[in-house]
């Protein structure tokens, strides 16, 4: 079952990408916004993590959330977009989103990279269909 999305999260590609980063970000001890997050993604959405050894971890959104939740809450983690390239063709969008990561909002940058995010529009709203990235770990 998909949670009801916040209207401001799905108004545009800009708003859904903004929410994509907000839901994973938060200080140590703060639960992540997984219900809000699930409303951004198609139920069939997949995540592709390319590891340093070039192996690829493929997960559903639920599997990804379950794997990272405890670590995010324990350590605190903030990820935010610094640059974006968007390509549109009809009801399909590809967003190449450059980001930086920190353990604390006012802390030093600990890493960054590019998220390759694919979105589809169903005639009513945009949905995240998949995301792929190179892992720092």
N, C-alpha and C. Protein backbone atom coordinates (compact mmCIF):
# COMPACT_ATOMS: atom_id res chain seq x y z
N UNK A 1 0.83 -1.19 0.00
CA UNK A 1 0.00 0.00 0.00
C UNK A 1 0.88 1.25 0.00
N UNK A 2 0.51 2.22 -0.78
CA UNK A 2 1.26 3.47 -0.89
C UNK A 2 0.66 4.48 0.07
N UNK A 3 1.52 5.14 0.82
CA UNK A 3 1.06 6.21 1.69
C UNK A 3 0.62 7.40 0.84
N UNK A 4 -0.29 8.20 1.40
CA UNK A 4 -0.74 9.41 0.72
C UNK A 4 0.44 10.37 0.62
N UNK A 5 0.72 10.88 -0.57
CA UNK A 5 1.83 11.81 -0.69
C UNK A 5 1.45 13.20 -0.18
N UNK A 6 2.45 13.94 0.23
CA UNK A 6 2.25 15.35 0.52
C UNK A 6 2.13 16.05 -0.83
N UNK A 7 1.13 16.89 -0.98
CA UNK A 7 0.92 17.58 -2.25
C UNK A 7 2.17 18.33 -2.69
N UNK A 8 2.86 18.96 -1.74
CA UNK A 8 4.05 19.75 -2.09
C UNK A 8 5.22 18.87 -2.54
N UNK A 9 5.19 17.57 -2.25
CA UNK A 9 6.26 16.66 -2.66
C UNK A 9 6.13 16.20 -4.10
N UNK A 10 4.95 16.30 -4.68
CA UNK A 10 4.75 15.73 -6.01
C UNK A 10 4.25 16.76 -7.03
N UNK A 11 4.41 18.03 -6.72
CA UNK A 11 3.98 19.09 -7.64
C UNK A 11 4.80 19.13 -8.92
N UNK A 12 6.06 18.71 -8.82
CA UNK A 12 6.98 18.84 -9.96
C UNK A 12 8.17 17.91 -9.76
N UNK A 13 9.00 17.82 -10.77
CA UNK A 13 10.25 17.07 -10.62
C UNK A 13 11.10 17.72 -9.53
N UNK A 14 11.16 19.04 -9.51
CA UNK A 14 11.92 19.73 -8.47
C UNK A 14 11.46 19.33 -7.07
N UNK A 15 10.16 19.30 -6.86
CA UNK A 15 9.65 19.01 -5.52
C UNK A 15 9.87 17.55 -5.11
N UNK A 16 9.77 16.62 -6.06
CA UNK A 16 9.96 15.22 -5.69
C UNK A 16 11.44 14.93 -5.42
N UNK A 17 12.34 15.59 -6.14
CA UNK A 17 13.77 15.41 -5.87
C UNK A 17 14.13 16.05 -4.53
N UNK A 18 13.57 17.19 -4.23
CA UNK A 18 13.80 17.83 -2.92
C UNK A 18 13.37 16.88 -1.81
N UNK A 19 12.19 16.28 -1.94
CA UNK A 19 11.68 15.34 -0.94
C UNK A 19 12.55 14.09 -0.87
N UNK A 20 13.06 13.61 -2.01
CA UNK A 20 13.94 12.45 -2.08
C UNK A 20 15.11 12.61 -1.11
N UNK A 21 15.69 13.79 -1.05
CA UNK A 21 16.81 14.05 -0.14
C UNK A 21 16.34 14.32 1.29
N UNK A 22 15.24 15.00 1.45
CA UNK A 22 14.77 15.33 2.80
C UNK A 22 14.42 14.10 3.62
N UNK A 23 13.82 13.09 3.00
CA UNK A 23 13.33 11.94 3.77
C UNK A 23 14.45 11.10 4.37
N UNK A 24 15.62 11.12 3.76
CA UNK A 24 16.74 10.31 4.26
C UNK A 24 17.59 11.09 5.25
N UNK A 25 17.42 12.39 5.30
CA UNK A 25 18.27 13.26 6.11
C UNK A 25 17.69 13.48 7.50
N UNK A 26 18.60 13.54 8.48
CA UNK A 26 18.18 13.85 9.84
C UNK A 26 19.30 13.62 10.82
N UNK A 27 19.18 14.20 12.00
CA UNK A 27 20.23 14.05 13.01
C UNK A 27 20.20 12.66 13.63
N UNK A 28 21.28 12.33 14.33
CA UNK A 28 21.33 11.07 15.08
C UNK A 28 20.14 11.02 16.04
N UNK A 29 19.53 9.86 16.13
CA UNK A 29 18.40 9.66 17.03
C UNK A 29 17.04 9.97 16.43
N UNK A 30 17.01 10.62 15.28
CA UNK A 30 15.74 10.99 14.65
C UNK A 30 15.32 9.92 13.65
N UNK A 31 14.09 9.42 13.77
CA UNK A 31 13.63 8.44 12.78
C UNK A 31 13.51 9.09 11.40
N UNK A 32 13.72 8.29 10.37
CA UNK A 32 13.59 8.79 9.02
C UNK A 32 12.13 8.76 8.59
N UNK A 33 11.82 9.53 7.55
CA UNK A 33 10.44 9.71 7.09
C UNK A 33 10.07 8.67 6.04
N UNK A 34 10.08 7.39 6.42
CA UNK A 34 9.87 6.32 5.44
C UNK A 34 8.46 6.31 4.87
N UNK A 35 7.45 6.71 5.63
CA UNK A 35 6.09 6.76 5.07
C UNK A 35 6.01 7.83 3.98
N UNK A 36 6.58 8.98 4.26
CA UNK A 36 6.64 10.04 3.26
C UNK A 36 7.42 9.55 2.04
N UNK A 37 8.52 8.86 2.29
CA UNK A 37 9.38 8.35 1.23
C UNK A 37 8.63 7.37 0.32
N UNK A 38 7.87 6.47 0.91
CA UNK A 38 7.19 5.46 0.09
C UNK A 38 6.19 6.09 -0.88
N UNK A 39 5.67 7.24 -0.53
CA UNK A 39 4.71 7.92 -1.40
C UNK A 39 5.37 8.59 -2.61
N UNK A 40 6.69 8.63 -2.63
CA UNK A 40 7.42 9.22 -3.75
C UNK A 40 7.71 8.21 -4.85
N UNK A 41 7.74 6.92 -4.48
CA UNK A 41 8.23 5.86 -5.37
C UNK A 41 7.09 4.97 -5.86
N UNK A 42 7.23 4.49 -7.09
CA UNK A 42 6.36 3.42 -7.55
C UNK A 42 6.52 2.22 -6.61
N UNK A 43 5.48 1.45 -6.39
CA UNK A 43 5.63 0.26 -5.54
C UNK A 43 6.72 -0.69 -6.04
N UNK A 44 6.97 -0.72 -7.34
CA UNK A 44 7.96 -1.62 -7.94
C UNK A 44 9.35 -0.98 -8.05
N UNK A 45 9.55 0.21 -7.49
CA UNK A 45 10.81 0.93 -7.64
C UNK A 45 11.99 0.10 -7.15
N UNK A 46 13.10 0.25 -7.85
CA UNK A 46 14.33 -0.47 -7.49
C UNK A 46 15.47 0.51 -7.27
N UNK A 47 16.39 0.11 -6.39
CA UNK A 47 17.60 0.87 -6.11
C UNK A 47 18.79 0.01 -6.54
N UNK A 48 19.76 0.64 -7.21
CA UNK A 48 20.95 -0.04 -7.70
C UNK A 48 22.18 0.63 -7.10
N UNK A 49 22.86 -0.07 -6.21
CA UNK A 49 24.07 0.43 -5.58
C UNK A 49 25.26 -0.29 -6.21
N UNK A 50 26.12 0.48 -6.91
CA UNK A 50 27.34 -0.08 -7.49
C UNK A 50 28.44 0.10 -6.45
N UNK A 51 28.94 -1.02 -5.94
CA UNK A 51 29.94 -0.99 -4.87
C UNK A 51 31.34 -0.78 -5.43
N UNK A 52 32.28 -0.50 -4.53
CA UNK A 52 33.67 -0.24 -4.94
C UNK A 52 34.27 -1.42 -5.69
N UNK A 53 33.84 -2.65 -5.39
CA UNK A 53 34.37 -3.83 -6.09
C UNK A 53 33.61 -4.10 -7.40
N UNK A 54 32.75 -3.17 -7.80
CA UNK A 54 31.92 -3.23 -9.01
C UNK A 54 30.80 -4.26 -8.94
N UNK A 55 30.57 -4.87 -7.77
CA UNK A 55 29.37 -5.69 -7.62
C UNK A 55 28.18 -4.74 -7.50
N UNK A 56 27.01 -5.22 -7.83
CA UNK A 56 25.82 -4.38 -7.83
C UNK A 56 24.78 -4.96 -6.89
N UNK A 57 24.38 -4.16 -5.93
CA UNK A 57 23.30 -4.55 -5.01
C UNK A 57 22.01 -3.96 -5.56
N UNK A 58 21.03 -4.82 -5.80
CA UNK A 58 19.72 -4.39 -6.29
C UNK A 58 18.72 -4.65 -5.17
N UNK A 59 17.97 -3.61 -4.82
CA UNK A 59 17.02 -3.73 -3.72
C UNK A 59 15.71 -3.04 -4.06
N UNK A 60 14.64 -3.54 -3.48
CA UNK A 60 13.40 -2.79 -3.51
C UNK A 60 13.56 -1.63 -2.56
N UNK A 61 12.67 -0.69 -2.62
CA UNK A 61 12.72 0.45 -1.71
C UNK A 61 12.60 -0.03 -0.26
N UNK A 62 11.71 -0.97 -0.01
CA UNK A 62 11.53 -1.50 1.36
C UNK A 62 12.80 -2.18 1.86
N UNK A 63 13.46 -2.94 1.00
CA UNK A 63 14.71 -3.60 1.39
C UNK A 63 15.80 -2.57 1.71
N UNK A 64 15.90 -1.56 0.90
CA UNK A 64 16.88 -0.50 1.13
C UNK A 64 16.61 0.19 2.47
N UNK A 65 15.37 0.59 2.69
CA UNK A 65 15.01 1.27 3.94
C UNK A 65 15.35 0.41 5.15
N UNK A 66 15.01 -0.86 5.10
CA UNK A 66 15.27 -1.77 6.23
C UNK A 66 16.77 -1.91 6.48
N UNK A 67 17.57 -1.93 5.41
CA UNK A 67 19.01 -2.11 5.55
C UNK A 67 19.68 -0.87 6.14
N UNK A 68 19.26 0.33 5.75
CA UNK A 68 19.98 1.54 6.17
C UNK A 68 19.39 2.25 7.38
N UNK A 69 18.19 1.91 7.76
CA UNK A 69 17.48 2.67 8.79
C UNK A 69 18.26 2.80 10.10
N UNK A 70 18.68 1.70 10.68
CA UNK A 70 19.35 1.75 11.98
C UNK A 70 20.64 2.56 11.91
N UNK A 71 21.39 2.41 10.83
CA UNK A 71 22.64 3.15 10.68
C UNK A 71 22.37 4.65 10.59
N UNK A 72 21.38 5.04 9.80
CA UNK A 72 21.06 6.46 9.64
C UNK A 72 20.65 7.08 10.97
N UNK A 73 19.82 6.37 11.72
CA UNK A 73 19.35 6.89 13.01
C UNK A 73 20.49 6.95 14.02
N UNK A 74 21.35 5.95 14.00
CA UNK A 74 22.46 5.92 14.96
C UNK A 74 23.48 7.04 14.69
N UNK A 75 23.83 7.24 13.43
CA UNK A 75 24.93 8.14 13.10
C UNK A 75 24.50 9.55 12.74
N UNK A 76 23.28 9.72 12.31
CA UNK A 76 22.90 10.99 11.73
C UNK A 76 23.46 11.06 10.32
N UNK A 77 22.70 11.64 9.42
CA UNK A 77 23.11 11.68 8.02
C UNK A 77 22.28 12.72 7.30
N UNK A 78 22.97 13.55 6.54
CA UNK A 78 22.30 14.56 5.73
C UNK A 78 22.85 14.47 4.32
N UNK A 79 21.95 14.41 3.36
CA UNK A 79 22.34 14.37 1.96
C UNK A 79 21.54 15.47 1.27
N UNK A 80 22.21 16.25 0.44
CA UNK A 80 21.53 17.35 -0.23
C UNK A 80 22.11 17.53 -1.63
N UNK A 81 21.25 18.00 -2.50
CA UNK A 81 21.62 18.20 -3.90
C UNK A 81 22.42 19.48 -4.07
N UNK A 82 23.46 19.41 -4.91
CA UNK A 82 24.26 20.59 -5.21
C UNK A 82 24.18 21.01 -6.68
N UNK A 83 23.73 20.09 -7.53
CA UNK A 83 23.64 20.38 -8.96
C UNK A 83 22.74 19.33 -9.59
N UNK A 84 22.12 19.68 -10.71
CA UNK A 84 21.22 18.73 -11.37
C UNK A 84 21.21 18.91 -12.87
N UNK A 85 21.12 17.78 -13.56
CA UNK A 85 20.89 17.76 -15.00
C UNK A 85 19.63 16.92 -15.22
N UNK A 86 18.65 17.47 -15.92
CA UNK A 86 17.39 16.76 -16.15
C UNK A 86 17.15 16.62 -17.65
N UNK A 87 16.79 15.43 -18.05
CA UNK A 87 16.40 15.15 -19.44
C UNK A 87 14.97 14.62 -19.42
N UNK A 88 14.13 15.23 -20.24
CA UNK A 88 12.72 14.83 -20.33
C UNK A 88 12.42 14.32 -21.73
N UNK A 89 11.60 13.29 -21.78
CA UNK A 89 11.05 12.83 -23.04
C UNK A 89 9.65 12.32 -22.75
N UNK A 90 8.65 13.11 -23.08
CA UNK A 90 7.27 12.73 -22.79
C UNK A 90 7.05 12.54 -21.31
N UNK A 91 6.64 11.36 -20.93
CA UNK A 91 6.32 11.05 -19.54
C UNK A 91 7.47 10.37 -18.80
N UNK A 92 8.67 10.46 -19.34
CA UNK A 92 9.85 9.86 -18.72
C UNK A 92 10.87 10.97 -18.47
N UNK A 93 11.49 10.92 -17.29
CA UNK A 93 12.53 11.89 -16.95
C UNK A 93 13.73 11.16 -16.38
N UNK A 94 14.91 11.64 -16.71
CA UNK A 94 16.13 11.16 -16.09
C UNK A 94 16.77 12.35 -15.40
N UNK A 95 17.03 12.20 -14.11
CA UNK A 95 17.67 13.25 -13.33
C UNK A 95 19.03 12.73 -12.87
N UNK A 96 20.08 13.45 -13.24
CA UNK A 96 21.42 13.17 -12.73
C UNK A 96 21.68 14.22 -11.67
N UNK A 97 21.62 13.79 -10.42
CA UNK A 97 21.63 14.69 -9.28
C UNK A 97 22.94 14.57 -8.51
N UNK A 98 23.74 15.64 -8.54
CA UNK A 98 24.99 15.68 -7.78
C UNK A 98 24.64 16.03 -6.34
N UNK A 99 25.26 15.32 -5.40
CA UNK A 99 24.94 15.54 -3.98
C UNK A 99 26.19 15.53 -3.12
N UNK A 100 26.03 16.05 -1.92
CA UNK A 100 27.03 15.96 -0.87
C UNK A 100 26.38 15.36 0.35
N UNK A 101 27.22 14.73 1.21
CA UNK A 101 26.74 14.08 2.42
C UNK A 101 27.50 14.60 3.63
N UNK A 102 26.80 14.65 4.77
CA UNK A 102 27.38 15.05 6.05
C UNK A 102 26.76 14.18 7.15
N UNK A 103 27.48 14.02 8.26
CA UNK A 103 26.90 13.36 9.43
C UNK A 103 26.05 14.32 10.24
N UNK A 104 26.38 15.60 10.19
CA UNK A 104 25.63 16.63 10.91
C UNK A 104 25.38 17.78 9.94
N UNK A 105 24.25 18.44 10.08
CA UNK A 105 23.87 19.51 9.16
C UNK A 105 24.95 20.58 9.07
N UNK A 106 25.58 20.91 10.18
CA UNK A 106 26.61 21.94 10.19
C UNK A 106 28.02 21.35 10.20
N UNK A 107 28.13 20.05 9.92
CA UNK A 107 29.42 19.37 9.92
C UNK A 107 30.12 19.42 8.58
N UNK A 108 31.32 18.83 8.55
CA UNK A 108 32.07 18.80 7.29
C UNK A 108 31.46 17.81 6.29
N UNK A 109 31.70 18.06 5.04
CA UNK A 109 31.27 17.14 3.99
C UNK A 109 32.07 15.85 4.13
N UNK A 110 31.36 14.71 4.13
CA UNK A 110 32.03 13.40 4.26
C UNK A 110 32.07 12.64 2.95
N UNK A 111 31.33 13.10 1.98
CA UNK A 111 31.31 12.40 0.70
C UNK A 111 30.31 13.04 -0.24
N UNK A 112 30.15 12.40 -1.36
CA UNK A 112 29.21 12.90 -2.35
C UNK A 112 29.26 12.02 -3.58
N UNK A 113 28.50 12.41 -4.55
CA UNK A 113 28.46 11.64 -5.78
C UNK A 113 27.32 12.10 -6.66
N UNK A 114 26.84 11.20 -7.47
CA UNK A 114 25.72 11.48 -8.35
C UNK A 114 24.69 10.37 -8.22
N UNK A 115 23.45 10.77 -8.02
CA UNK A 115 22.34 9.84 -8.07
C UNK A 115 21.73 9.91 -9.46
N UNK A 116 21.56 8.78 -10.08
CA UNK A 116 20.87 8.68 -11.35
C UNK A 116 19.45 8.25 -11.03
N UNK A 117 18.50 9.17 -11.20
CA UNK A 117 17.12 8.94 -10.76
C UNK A 117 16.21 8.94 -11.99
N UNK A 118 15.44 7.88 -12.15
CA UNK A 118 14.51 7.77 -13.26
C UNK A 118 13.10 7.99 -12.71
N UNK A 119 12.34 8.83 -13.40
CA UNK A 119 10.98 9.14 -13.00
C UNK A 119 10.03 8.90 -14.16
N UNK A 120 8.78 8.59 -13.83
CA UNK A 120 7.73 8.43 -14.82
C UNK A 120 6.51 9.23 -14.36
N UNK A 121 5.76 9.73 -15.34
CA UNK A 121 4.55 10.50 -15.04
C UNK A 121 3.35 9.68 -15.49
N UNK A 122 2.39 9.51 -14.61
CA UNK A 122 1.22 8.68 -14.92
C UNK A 122 0.02 9.48 -15.40
N UNK A 123 0.23 10.72 -15.79
CA UNK A 123 -0.87 11.58 -16.21
C UNK A 123 -1.38 12.45 -15.08
N UNK A 124 -1.02 12.09 -13.86
CA UNK A 124 -1.43 12.85 -12.69
C UNK A 124 -0.24 13.42 -11.93
N UNK A 125 0.82 12.60 -11.82
CA UNK A 125 1.97 13.02 -11.01
C UNK A 125 3.22 12.26 -11.43
N UNK A 126 4.37 12.74 -10.97
CA UNK A 126 5.64 12.06 -11.16
C UNK A 126 5.84 11.03 -10.07
N UNK A 127 6.49 9.92 -10.44
CA UNK A 127 6.88 8.85 -9.52
C UNK A 127 8.36 8.54 -9.75
N UNK A 128 9.08 8.23 -8.69
CA UNK A 128 10.44 7.72 -8.84
C UNK A 128 10.33 6.24 -9.16
N UNK A 129 10.92 5.85 -10.30
CA UNK A 129 10.87 4.45 -10.72
C UNK A 129 12.12 3.69 -10.30
N UNK A 130 13.27 4.38 -10.26
CA UNK A 130 14.51 3.74 -9.84
C UNK A 130 15.56 4.80 -9.54
N UNK A 131 16.58 4.35 -8.83
CA UNK A 131 17.73 5.21 -8.56
C UNK A 131 18.98 4.33 -8.55
N UNK A 132 20.06 4.88 -9.07
CA UNK A 132 21.34 4.16 -9.10
C UNK A 132 22.44 5.12 -8.69
N UNK A 133 23.45 4.57 -8.00
CA UNK A 133 24.58 5.37 -7.55
C UNK A 133 25.79 4.50 -7.31
N UNK A 134 26.96 5.14 -7.30
CA UNK A 134 28.21 4.49 -6.92
C UNK A 134 28.37 4.64 -5.42
N UNK A 135 28.62 3.56 -4.74
CA UNK A 135 28.74 3.58 -3.28
C UNK A 135 30.10 4.08 -2.84
N UNK A 136 30.10 4.86 -1.77
CA UNK A 136 31.36 5.32 -1.16
C UNK A 136 31.94 4.22 -0.28
N UNK A 137 31.10 3.31 0.18
CA UNK A 137 31.52 2.31 1.14
C UNK A 137 31.82 0.97 0.48
